[in-house]
């Protein structure tokens, strides 16, 4: 199952996109935890609150990012279909005579 999942990730995301997603997630969690660390109380309860908040933040961002990824993929797919369906202009008379002369 792990090999199949890894294949799906490699097929779905370019290496640059994967690195960007990792970096964006890391920056988001660091920003969130450093900012929330100022208002959370100290001790084990504070650490627990901060951990739960950081995980919740990452899950929410993953859902949002996944929705945007699917929407972008559907948009690209529809654009490809639209290009395939658009009629091409017939070849000009001059180009058809050049082909028949050759």
C-alpha atoms as a PDB file:
ATOM      1  CA  UNK A   1       0.000   0.000   0.000  1.00  0.00           C
ATOM      2  CA  UNK A   2       2.847   2.393   0.776  1.00  0.00           C
ATOM      3  CA  UNK A   3       4.411   1.920  -2.668  1.00  0.00           C
ATOM      4  CA  UNK A   4       1.051   2.542  -4.349  1.00  0.00           C
ATOM      5  CA  UNK A   5       0.505   5.728  -2.334  1.00  0.00           C
ATOM      6  CA  UNK A   6       4.016   6.940  -3.152  1.00  0.00           C
ATOM      7  CA  UNK A   7       3.360   6.320  -6.846  1.00  0.00           C
ATOM      8  CA  UNK A   8       0.181   8.366  -6.661  1.00  0.00           C
ATOM      9  CA  UNK A   9       2.000  11.286  -5.042  1.00  0.00           C
ATOM     10  CA  UNK A  10       4.751  11.183  -7.667  1.00  0.00           C
ATOM     11  CA  UNK A  11       2.164  11.062 -10.474  1.00  0.00           C
ATOM     12  CA  UNK A  12       0.048  13.862  -9.004  1.00  0.00           C
ATOM     13  CA  UNK A  13       2.614  16.436  -7.864  1.00  0.00           C
ATOM     14  CA  UNK A  14       5.774  17.682  -9.502  1.00  0.00           C
ATOM     15  CA  UNK A  15       8.878  17.757  -7.260  1.00  0.00           C
ATOM     16  CA  UNK A  16       8.691  21.546  -6.998  1.00  0.00           C
ATOM     17  CA  UNK A  17       5.022  21.397  -5.970  1.00  0.00           C
ATOM     18  CA  UNK A  18       5.798  18.780  -3.319  1.00  0.00           C
ATOM     19  CA  UNK A  19       8.634  20.870  -1.887  1.00  0.00           C
ATOM     20  CA  UNK A  20       6.401  23.959  -1.923  1.00  0.00           C
ATOM     21  CA  UNK A  21       3.627  22.178  -0.043  1.00  0.00           C
ATOM     22  CA  UNK A  22       6.086  20.969   2.599  1.00  0.00           C
ATOM     23  CA  UNK A  23       7.592  24.424   3.024  1.00  0.00           C
ATOM     24  CA  UNK A  24       4.201  26.177   3.160  1.00  0.00           C
ATOM     25  CA  UNK A  25       3.005  23.734   5.805  1.00  0.00           C
ATOM     26  CA  UNK A  26       6.151  24.228   7.848  1.00  0.00           C
ATOM     27  CA  UNK A  27       5.980  28.018   7.620  1.00  0.00           C
ATOM     28  CA  UNK A  28       2.292  27.962   8.552  1.00  0.00           C
ATOM     29  CA  UNK A  29       2.832  25.764  11.616  1.00  0.00           C
ATOM     30  CA  UNK A  30       5.817  27.789  12.792  1.00  0.00           C
ATOM     31  CA  UNK A  31       3.917  31.055  12.395  1.00  0.00           C
ATOM     32  CA  UNK A  32       0.867  29.631  14.137  1.00  0.00           C
ATOM     33  CA  UNK A  33       2.736  28.081  17.046  1.00  0.00           C
ATOM     34  CA  UNK A  34       5.018  31.055  17.630  1.00  0.00           C
ATOM     35  CA  UNK A  35       2.074  33.449  17.606  1.00  0.00           C
ATOM     36  CA  UNK A  36      -0.198  31.217  19.686  1.00  0.00           C
ATOM     37  CA  UNK A  37       2.662  30.529  22.103  1.00  0.00           C
ATOM     38  CA  UNK A  38       2.371  34.109  23.297  1.00  0.00           C
ATOM     39  CA  UNK A  39      -1.217  33.672  24.459  1.00  0.00           C
ATOM     40  CA  UNK A  40      -1.255  30.043  25.654  1.00  0.00           C
ATOM     41  CA  UNK A  41      -0.686  29.355  29.330  1.00  0.00           C
ATOM     42  CA  UNK A  42       2.460  27.545  30.428  1.00  0.00           C
ATOM     43  CA  UNK A  43       2.695  23.940  31.539  1.00  0.00           C
ATOM     44  CA  UNK A  44       1.425  20.667  30.136  1.00  0.00           C
ATOM     45  CA  UNK A  45      -2.064  22.061  29.438  1.00  0.00           C
ATOM     46  CA  UNK A  46      -0.609  24.871  27.359  1.00  0.00           C
ATOM     47  CA  UNK A  47       1.557  22.482  25.372  1.00  0.00           C
ATOM     48  CA  UNK A  48      -1.464  20.254  24.758  1.00  0.00           C
ATOM     49  CA  UNK A  49      -3.564  23.230  23.607  1.00  0.00           C
ATOM     50  CA  UNK A  50      -0.819  24.378  21.274  1.00  0.00           C
ATOM     51  CA  UNK A  51      -0.327  20.908  19.815  1.00  0.00           C
ATOM     52  CA  UNK A  52      -4.038  20.415  19.209  1.00  0.00           C
ATOM     53  CA  UNK A  53      -4.300  23.863  17.623  1.00  0.00           C
ATOM     54  CA  UNK A  54      -1.304  23.234  15.335  1.00  0.00           C
ATOM     55  CA  UNK A  55      -2.657  19.869  14.191  1.00  0.00           C
ATOM     56  CA  UNK A  56      -6.098  21.380  13.620  1.00  0.00           C
ATOM     57  CA  UNK A  57      -4.543  24.201  11.629  1.00  0.00           C
ATOM     58  CA  UNK A  58      -2.662  21.730   9.419  1.00  0.00           C
ATOM     59  CA  UNK A  59      -5.743  19.591   8.866  1.00  0.00           C
ATOM     60  CA  UNK A  60      -7.795  22.639   7.891  1.00  0.00           C
ATOM     61  CA  UNK A  61      -5.070  23.814   5.518  1.00  0.00           C
ATOM     62  CA  UNK A  62      -4.795  20.315   4.005  1.00  0.00           C
ATOM     63  CA  UNK A  63      -8.528  20.261   3.290  1.00  0.00           C
ATOM     64  CA  UNK A  64      -8.469  23.732   1.744  1.00  0.00           C
ATOM     65  CA  UNK A  65      -5.369  22.973  -0.317  1.00  0.00           C
ATOM     66  CA  UNK A  66      -6.864  19.674  -1.490  1.00  0.00           C
ATOM     67  CA  UNK A  67     -10.054  21.377  -2.642  1.00  0.00           C
ATOM     68  CA  UNK A  68      -8.056  23.982  -4.568  1.00  0.00           C
ATOM     69  CA  UNK A  69      -5.904  21.251  -6.136  1.00  0.00           C
ATOM     70  CA  UNK A  70      -8.955  19.303  -7.321  1.00  0.00           C
ATOM     71  CA  UNK A  71     -10.589  22.468  -8.658  1.00  0.00           C
ATOM     72  CA  UNK A  72      -7.405  23.356 -10.570  1.00  0.00           C
ATOM     73  CA  UNK A  73      -7.102  19.844 -11.998  1.00  0.00           C
ATOM     74  CA  UNK A  74     -10.745  19.885 -13.135  1.00  0.00           C
ATOM     75  CA  UNK A  75     -10.247  23.302 -14.714  1.00  0.00           C
ATOM     76  CA  UNK A  76      -7.183  22.122 -16.644  1.00  0.00           C
ATOM     77  CA  UNK A  77      -9.015  18.990 -17.764  1.00  0.00           C
ATOM     78  CA  UNK A  78     -11.968  21.017 -19.043  1.00  0.00           C
ATOM     79  CA  UNK A  79      -9.638  23.417 -20.867  1.00  0.00           C
ATOM     80  CA  UNK A  80      -8.014  20.424 -22.582  1.00  0.00           C
ATOM     81  CA  UNK A  81     -11.396  19.064 -23.621  1.00  0.00           C
ATOM     82  CA  UNK A  82     -12.455  22.470 -24.875  1.00  0.00           C
ATOM     83  CA  UNK A  83      -9.297  22.759 -26.990  1.00  0.00           C
ATOM     84  CA  UNK A  84      -9.904  19.296 -28.413  1.00  0.00           C
ATOM     85  CA  UNK A  85     -13.500  20.157 -29.346  1.00  0.00           C
ATOM     86  CA  UNK A  86     -12.856  23.550 -30.946  1.00  0.00           C
ATOM     87  CA  UNK A  87     -13.043  23.240 -34.693  1.00  0.00           C
ATOM     88  CA  UNK A  88      -9.885  24.031 -36.571  1.00  0.00           C
ATOM     89  CA  UNK A  89     -10.084  26.214 -39.645  1.00  0.00           C
ATOM     90  CA  UNK A  90      -9.838  24.307 -42.908  1.00  0.00           C
ATOM     91  CA  UNK A  91      -6.455  24.430 -44.591  1.00  0.00           C
ATOM     92  CA  UNK A  92      -6.032  27.272 -47.024  1.00  0.00           C
ATOM     93  CA  UNK A  93      -6.185  26.616 -50.727  1.00  0.00           C
ATOM     94  CA  UNK A  94      -2.522  27.569 -51.177  1.00  0.00           C
ATOM     95  CA  UNK A  95      -1.290  24.986 -48.672  1.00  0.00           C
ATOM     96  CA  UNK A  96      -3.365  22.218 -50.286  1.00  0.00           C
ATOM     97  CA  UNK A  97      -1.893  22.974 -53.738  1.00  0.00           C
ATOM     98  CA  UNK A  98       1.626  22.862 -52.308  1.00  0.00           C
ATOM     99  CA  UNK A  99       0.969  19.393 -50.882  1.00  0.00           C
ATOM    100  CA  UNK A 100      -0.454  18.021 -54.120  1.00  0.00           C
ATOM    101  CA  UNK A 101       2.479  19.394 -56.160  1.00  0.00           C
ATOM    102  CA  UNK A 102       5.021  17.585 -53.961  1.00  0.00           C
END
